[in-house]
N, C-alpha and C. Protein backbone atom coordinates (compact mmCIF):
# COMPACT_ATOMS: atom_id res chain seq x y z
N MET A 1 -20.47 6.22 30.53
CA MET A 1 -19.15 6.18 29.92
C MET A 1 -18.57 7.60 29.96
N SER A 2 -17.39 7.72 30.53
CA SER A 2 -16.79 9.03 30.63
C SER A 2 -16.27 9.49 29.27
N SER A 3 -16.12 10.79 29.14
CA SER A 3 -15.66 11.34 27.86
C SER A 3 -14.22 10.91 27.57
N TYR A 4 -13.39 10.75 28.62
CA TYR A 4 -12.01 10.30 28.41
C TYR A 4 -11.99 8.88 27.87
N LEU A 5 -12.87 8.05 28.38
CA LEU A 5 -12.94 6.66 27.90
C LEU A 5 -13.39 6.62 26.44
N LEU A 6 -14.37 7.45 26.10
CA LEU A 6 -14.85 7.51 24.73
C LEU A 6 -13.77 8.01 23.78
N VAL A 7 -13.04 9.05 24.18
CA VAL A 7 -11.94 9.58 23.37
C VAL A 7 -10.84 8.54 23.23
N SER A 8 -10.50 7.87 24.32
CA SER A 8 -9.46 6.84 24.29
C SER A 8 -9.84 5.71 23.35
N TRP A 9 -11.07 5.28 23.43
CA TRP A 9 -11.53 4.17 22.60
C TRP A 9 -11.51 4.56 21.13
N THR A 10 -12.04 5.75 20.81
CA THR A 10 -12.07 6.23 19.43
C THR A 10 -10.66 6.44 18.89
N LEU A 11 -9.82 7.06 19.68
CA LEU A 11 -8.44 7.31 19.27
C LEU A 11 -7.68 6.00 19.07
N GLY A 12 -7.94 5.03 19.93
CA GLY A 12 -7.29 3.73 19.80
C GLY A 12 -7.66 3.04 18.49
N ILE A 13 -8.93 3.10 18.13
CA ILE A 13 -9.37 2.50 16.88
C ILE A 13 -8.77 3.24 15.69
N LEU A 14 -8.77 4.57 15.73
CA LEU A 14 -8.21 5.36 14.63
C LEU A 14 -6.71 5.08 14.45
N LEU A 15 -5.96 5.04 15.54
CA LEU A 15 -4.52 4.79 15.44
C LEU A 15 -4.24 3.36 14.99
N ALA A 16 -5.04 2.41 15.42
CA ALA A 16 -4.87 1.02 14.98
C ALA A 16 -5.17 0.90 13.48
N LEU A 17 -6.21 1.58 13.02
CA LEU A 17 -6.55 1.57 11.60
C LEU A 17 -5.43 2.18 10.76
N MET A 18 -4.88 3.30 11.22
CA MET A 18 -3.78 3.93 10.48
C MET A 18 -2.54 3.04 10.47
N THR A 19 -2.28 2.36 11.56
CA THR A 19 -1.14 1.44 11.60
C THR A 19 -1.31 0.33 10.58
N VAL A 20 -2.51 -0.24 10.52
CA VAL A 20 -2.78 -1.30 9.55
C VAL A 20 -2.64 -0.78 8.12
N LEU A 21 -3.15 0.43 7.86
CA LEU A 21 -3.04 1.01 6.51
C LEU A 21 -1.58 1.23 6.12
N PHE A 22 -0.76 1.70 7.07
CA PHE A 22 0.65 1.91 6.75
C PHE A 22 1.39 0.58 6.57
N ILE A 23 1.01 -0.43 7.30
CA ILE A 23 1.63 -1.75 7.10
C ILE A 23 1.25 -2.30 5.73
N LEU A 24 0.00 -2.12 5.33
CA LEU A 24 -0.41 -2.53 3.98
C LEU A 24 0.33 -1.71 2.93
N ARG A 25 0.57 -0.45 3.22
CA ARG A 25 1.32 0.40 2.29
C ARG A 25 2.76 -0.10 2.14
N ILE A 26 3.34 -0.57 3.25
CA ILE A 26 4.69 -1.15 3.19
C ILE A 26 4.69 -2.37 2.28
N VAL A 27 3.68 -3.22 2.43
CA VAL A 27 3.59 -4.41 1.58
C VAL A 27 3.42 -4.01 0.11
N LEU A 28 2.64 -2.97 -0.15
CA LEU A 28 2.43 -2.53 -1.53
C LEU A 28 3.71 -1.97 -2.15
N THR A 29 4.63 -1.47 -1.35
CA THR A 29 5.89 -0.97 -1.92
C THR A 29 6.74 -2.12 -2.46
N TRP A 30 6.45 -3.34 -2.06
CA TRP A 30 7.19 -4.49 -2.58
C TRP A 30 6.77 -4.82 -4.00
N TYR A 31 5.64 -4.28 -4.42
CA TYR A 31 5.09 -4.56 -5.76
C TYR A 31 4.96 -3.24 -6.53
N PRO A 32 6.03 -2.80 -7.16
CA PRO A 32 5.98 -1.49 -7.85
C PRO A 32 5.04 -1.46 -9.06
N GLN A 33 4.65 -2.61 -9.58
CA GLN A 33 3.78 -2.64 -10.74
C GLN A 33 2.32 -2.37 -10.37
N VAL A 34 2.01 -2.33 -9.07
CA VAL A 34 0.63 -2.10 -8.63
C VAL A 34 0.25 -0.65 -8.87
N ASP A 35 -0.93 -0.44 -9.47
CA ASP A 35 -1.45 0.91 -9.71
C ASP A 35 -2.24 1.34 -8.48
N LEU A 36 -1.71 2.32 -7.75
CA LEU A 36 -2.32 2.77 -6.51
C LEU A 36 -3.57 3.61 -6.73
N ASN A 37 -3.93 3.88 -7.98
CA ASN A 37 -5.13 4.64 -8.27
C ASN A 37 -6.33 3.77 -8.60
N GLN A 38 -6.17 2.45 -8.51
CA GLN A 38 -7.26 1.53 -8.79
C GLN A 38 -7.66 0.80 -7.53
N LEU A 39 -8.95 0.44 -7.48
CA LEU A 39 -9.44 -0.35 -6.35
C LEU A 39 -8.76 -1.70 -6.34
N PRO A 40 -8.51 -2.31 -5.25
CA PRO A 40 -8.67 -1.90 -3.86
C PRO A 40 -7.45 -1.15 -3.32
N PHE A 41 -6.45 -0.95 -4.15
CA PHE A 41 -5.20 -0.36 -3.67
C PHE A 41 -5.35 1.10 -3.29
N ASN A 42 -6.28 1.81 -3.94
CA ASN A 42 -6.46 3.21 -3.59
C ASN A 42 -7.07 3.39 -2.21
N LEU A 43 -7.72 2.36 -1.67
CA LEU A 43 -8.24 2.43 -0.31
C LEU A 43 -7.12 2.49 0.72
N VAL A 44 -5.95 2.01 0.33
CA VAL A 44 -4.77 2.09 1.18
C VAL A 44 -3.96 3.35 0.87
N ALA A 45 -3.87 3.69 -0.41
CA ALA A 45 -3.01 4.79 -0.83
C ALA A 45 -3.58 6.15 -0.46
N TRP A 46 -4.87 6.38 -0.69
CA TRP A 46 -5.43 7.72 -0.48
C TRP A 46 -5.35 8.20 0.97
N PRO A 47 -5.66 7.39 1.97
CA PRO A 47 -5.55 7.91 3.35
C PRO A 47 -4.10 8.07 3.83
N THR A 48 -3.17 7.33 3.26
CA THR A 48 -1.79 7.38 3.75
C THR A 48 -0.92 8.38 3.01
N GLU A 49 -1.24 8.68 1.77
CA GLU A 49 -0.39 9.55 0.96
C GLU A 49 -0.21 10.96 1.55
N PRO A 50 -1.25 11.60 2.12
CA PRO A 50 -1.02 12.93 2.71
C PRO A 50 0.01 12.92 3.85
N PHE A 51 0.17 11.82 4.53
CA PHE A 51 1.17 11.71 5.58
C PHE A 51 2.56 11.46 5.01
N LEU A 52 2.62 10.74 3.90
CA LEU A 52 3.90 10.34 3.33
C LEU A 52 4.58 11.47 2.56
N ILE A 53 3.82 12.31 1.89
CA ILE A 53 4.40 13.36 1.03
C ILE A 53 5.34 14.29 1.80
N PRO A 54 4.93 14.87 2.94
CA PRO A 54 5.86 15.78 3.64
C PRO A 54 7.10 15.07 4.17
N LEU A 55 6.94 13.83 4.61
CA LEU A 55 8.09 13.09 5.15
C LEU A 55 9.06 12.70 4.05
N ARG A 56 8.55 12.46 2.84
CA ARG A 56 9.43 12.14 1.71
C ARG A 56 10.31 13.32 1.32
N LYS A 57 9.82 14.54 1.57
CA LYS A 57 10.62 15.74 1.26
C LYS A 57 11.80 15.87 2.22
N VAL A 58 11.65 15.34 3.43
CA VAL A 58 12.70 15.43 4.45
C VAL A 58 13.64 14.24 4.38
N ILE A 59 13.09 13.05 4.17
CA ILE A 59 13.88 11.82 4.19
C ILE A 59 13.87 11.19 2.80
N PRO A 60 15.00 11.18 2.13
CA PRO A 60 15.03 10.58 0.78
C PRO A 60 15.00 9.06 0.88
N SER A 61 14.67 8.43 -0.24
CA SER A 61 14.68 6.97 -0.27
C SER A 61 16.12 6.47 -0.27
N PHE A 62 16.31 5.32 0.35
CA PHE A 62 17.63 4.71 0.44
C PHE A 62 17.72 3.59 -0.58
N GLY A 63 18.55 3.77 -1.59
CA GLY A 63 18.72 2.75 -2.62
C GLY A 63 17.44 2.45 -3.37
N GLY A 64 16.60 3.45 -3.52
CA GLY A 64 15.33 3.26 -4.21
C GLY A 64 14.22 2.70 -3.34
N VAL A 65 14.48 2.54 -2.04
CA VAL A 65 13.48 2.00 -1.13
C VAL A 65 12.89 3.14 -0.30
N ASP A 66 11.58 3.30 -0.36
CA ASP A 66 10.88 4.33 0.38
C ASP A 66 10.64 3.83 1.81
N ILE A 67 11.27 4.47 2.77
CA ILE A 67 11.14 4.02 4.16
C ILE A 67 10.14 4.84 4.95
N THR A 68 9.50 5.82 4.32
CA THR A 68 8.57 6.68 5.06
C THR A 68 7.37 5.93 5.65
N PRO A 69 6.80 4.91 5.00
CA PRO A 69 5.72 4.18 5.68
C PRO A 69 6.20 3.48 6.95
N ILE A 70 7.43 3.00 6.94
CA ILE A 70 7.98 2.35 8.13
C ILE A 70 8.11 3.35 9.26
N LEU A 71 8.57 4.56 8.92
CA LEU A 71 8.69 5.60 9.93
C LEU A 71 7.33 5.99 10.50
N TRP A 72 6.32 6.05 9.66
CA TRP A 72 4.99 6.39 10.15
C TRP A 72 4.41 5.31 11.07
N VAL A 73 4.71 4.06 10.80
CA VAL A 73 4.27 3.00 11.73
C VAL A 73 4.91 3.24 13.10
N GLY A 74 6.19 3.59 13.11
CA GLY A 74 6.87 3.89 14.37
C GLY A 74 6.30 5.12 15.06
N ILE A 75 6.01 6.16 14.31
CA ILE A 75 5.46 7.39 14.89
C ILE A 75 4.08 7.14 15.48
N ILE A 76 3.24 6.44 14.76
CA ILE A 76 1.89 6.16 15.25
C ILE A 76 1.94 5.26 16.48
N THR A 77 2.83 4.28 16.47
CA THR A 77 2.97 3.41 17.63
C THR A 77 3.43 4.20 18.85
N LEU A 78 4.37 5.11 18.66
CA LEU A 78 4.84 5.96 19.76
C LEU A 78 3.71 6.85 20.28
N ILE A 79 2.95 7.47 19.39
CA ILE A 79 1.83 8.31 19.82
C ILE A 79 0.79 7.49 20.58
N ARG A 80 0.51 6.29 20.09
CA ARG A 80 -0.46 5.43 20.76
C ARG A 80 0.01 5.06 22.16
N GLU A 81 1.29 4.76 22.30
CA GLU A 81 1.83 4.39 23.61
C GLU A 81 1.82 5.59 24.56
N ILE A 82 2.17 6.77 24.06
CA ILE A 82 2.19 7.96 24.91
C ILE A 82 0.78 8.32 25.39
N LEU A 83 -0.20 8.17 24.52
CA LEU A 83 -1.56 8.56 24.88
C LEU A 83 -2.36 7.45 25.53
N LEU A 84 -2.22 6.22 25.05
CA LEU A 84 -3.13 5.15 25.45
C LEU A 84 -2.47 3.97 26.14
N GLY A 85 -1.16 3.99 26.29
CA GLY A 85 -0.47 2.87 26.93
C GLY A 85 -0.82 2.76 28.41
N GLN A 86 -0.21 1.81 29.11
CA GLN A 86 -0.50 1.61 30.53
C GLN A 86 -0.22 2.85 31.36
N GLN A 87 0.82 3.59 30.99
CA GLN A 87 1.14 4.84 31.67
C GLN A 87 0.86 6.03 30.77
N GLY A 88 -0.02 5.86 29.80
CA GLY A 88 -0.34 6.91 28.85
C GLY A 88 -1.12 8.05 29.47
N ILE A 89 -1.08 9.18 28.84
CA ILE A 89 -1.73 10.38 29.37
C ILE A 89 -3.23 10.19 29.53
N LEU A 90 -3.90 9.73 28.51
CA LEU A 90 -5.35 9.56 28.61
C LEU A 90 -5.72 8.42 29.56
N THR A 91 -4.90 7.41 29.64
CA THR A 91 -5.15 6.31 30.57
C THR A 91 -5.07 6.80 32.01
N LEU A 92 -4.06 7.59 32.31
CA LEU A 92 -3.91 8.11 33.66
C LEU A 92 -5.02 9.09 34.02
N ILE A 93 -5.45 9.90 33.05
CA ILE A 93 -6.54 10.85 33.31
C ILE A 93 -7.84 10.09 33.56
N ALA A 94 -8.09 9.03 32.78
CA ALA A 94 -9.31 8.26 32.94
C ALA A 94 -9.34 7.55 34.30
N ARG A 95 -8.18 7.13 34.78
CA ARG A 95 -8.13 6.48 36.10
C ARG A 95 -8.32 7.48 37.23
N GLY A 96 -7.82 8.72 36.96
CA GLY A 96 -7.74 9.83 37.87
C GLY A 96 -8.68 9.92 38.96
């Protein structure tokens, strides 16, 4: 197994996991009464919060709705496509 294939596989799993966590975070924003410091909700909140804090400083909420998790899903999807898509950088290097 080449190192590019191993990196691609690991990175693909990591980006997919982060996408799922941000989608779960979007669902949790629909329930403001949920305490994000208690299990199982903190398993979603703790890994995603460090990404959301800086983006919240730049992009305010619209009408009380926090859109930063939605933006992170888009950013992660774009990064995944650039690196691992059919014409992605790591895909082309691995074929090389």
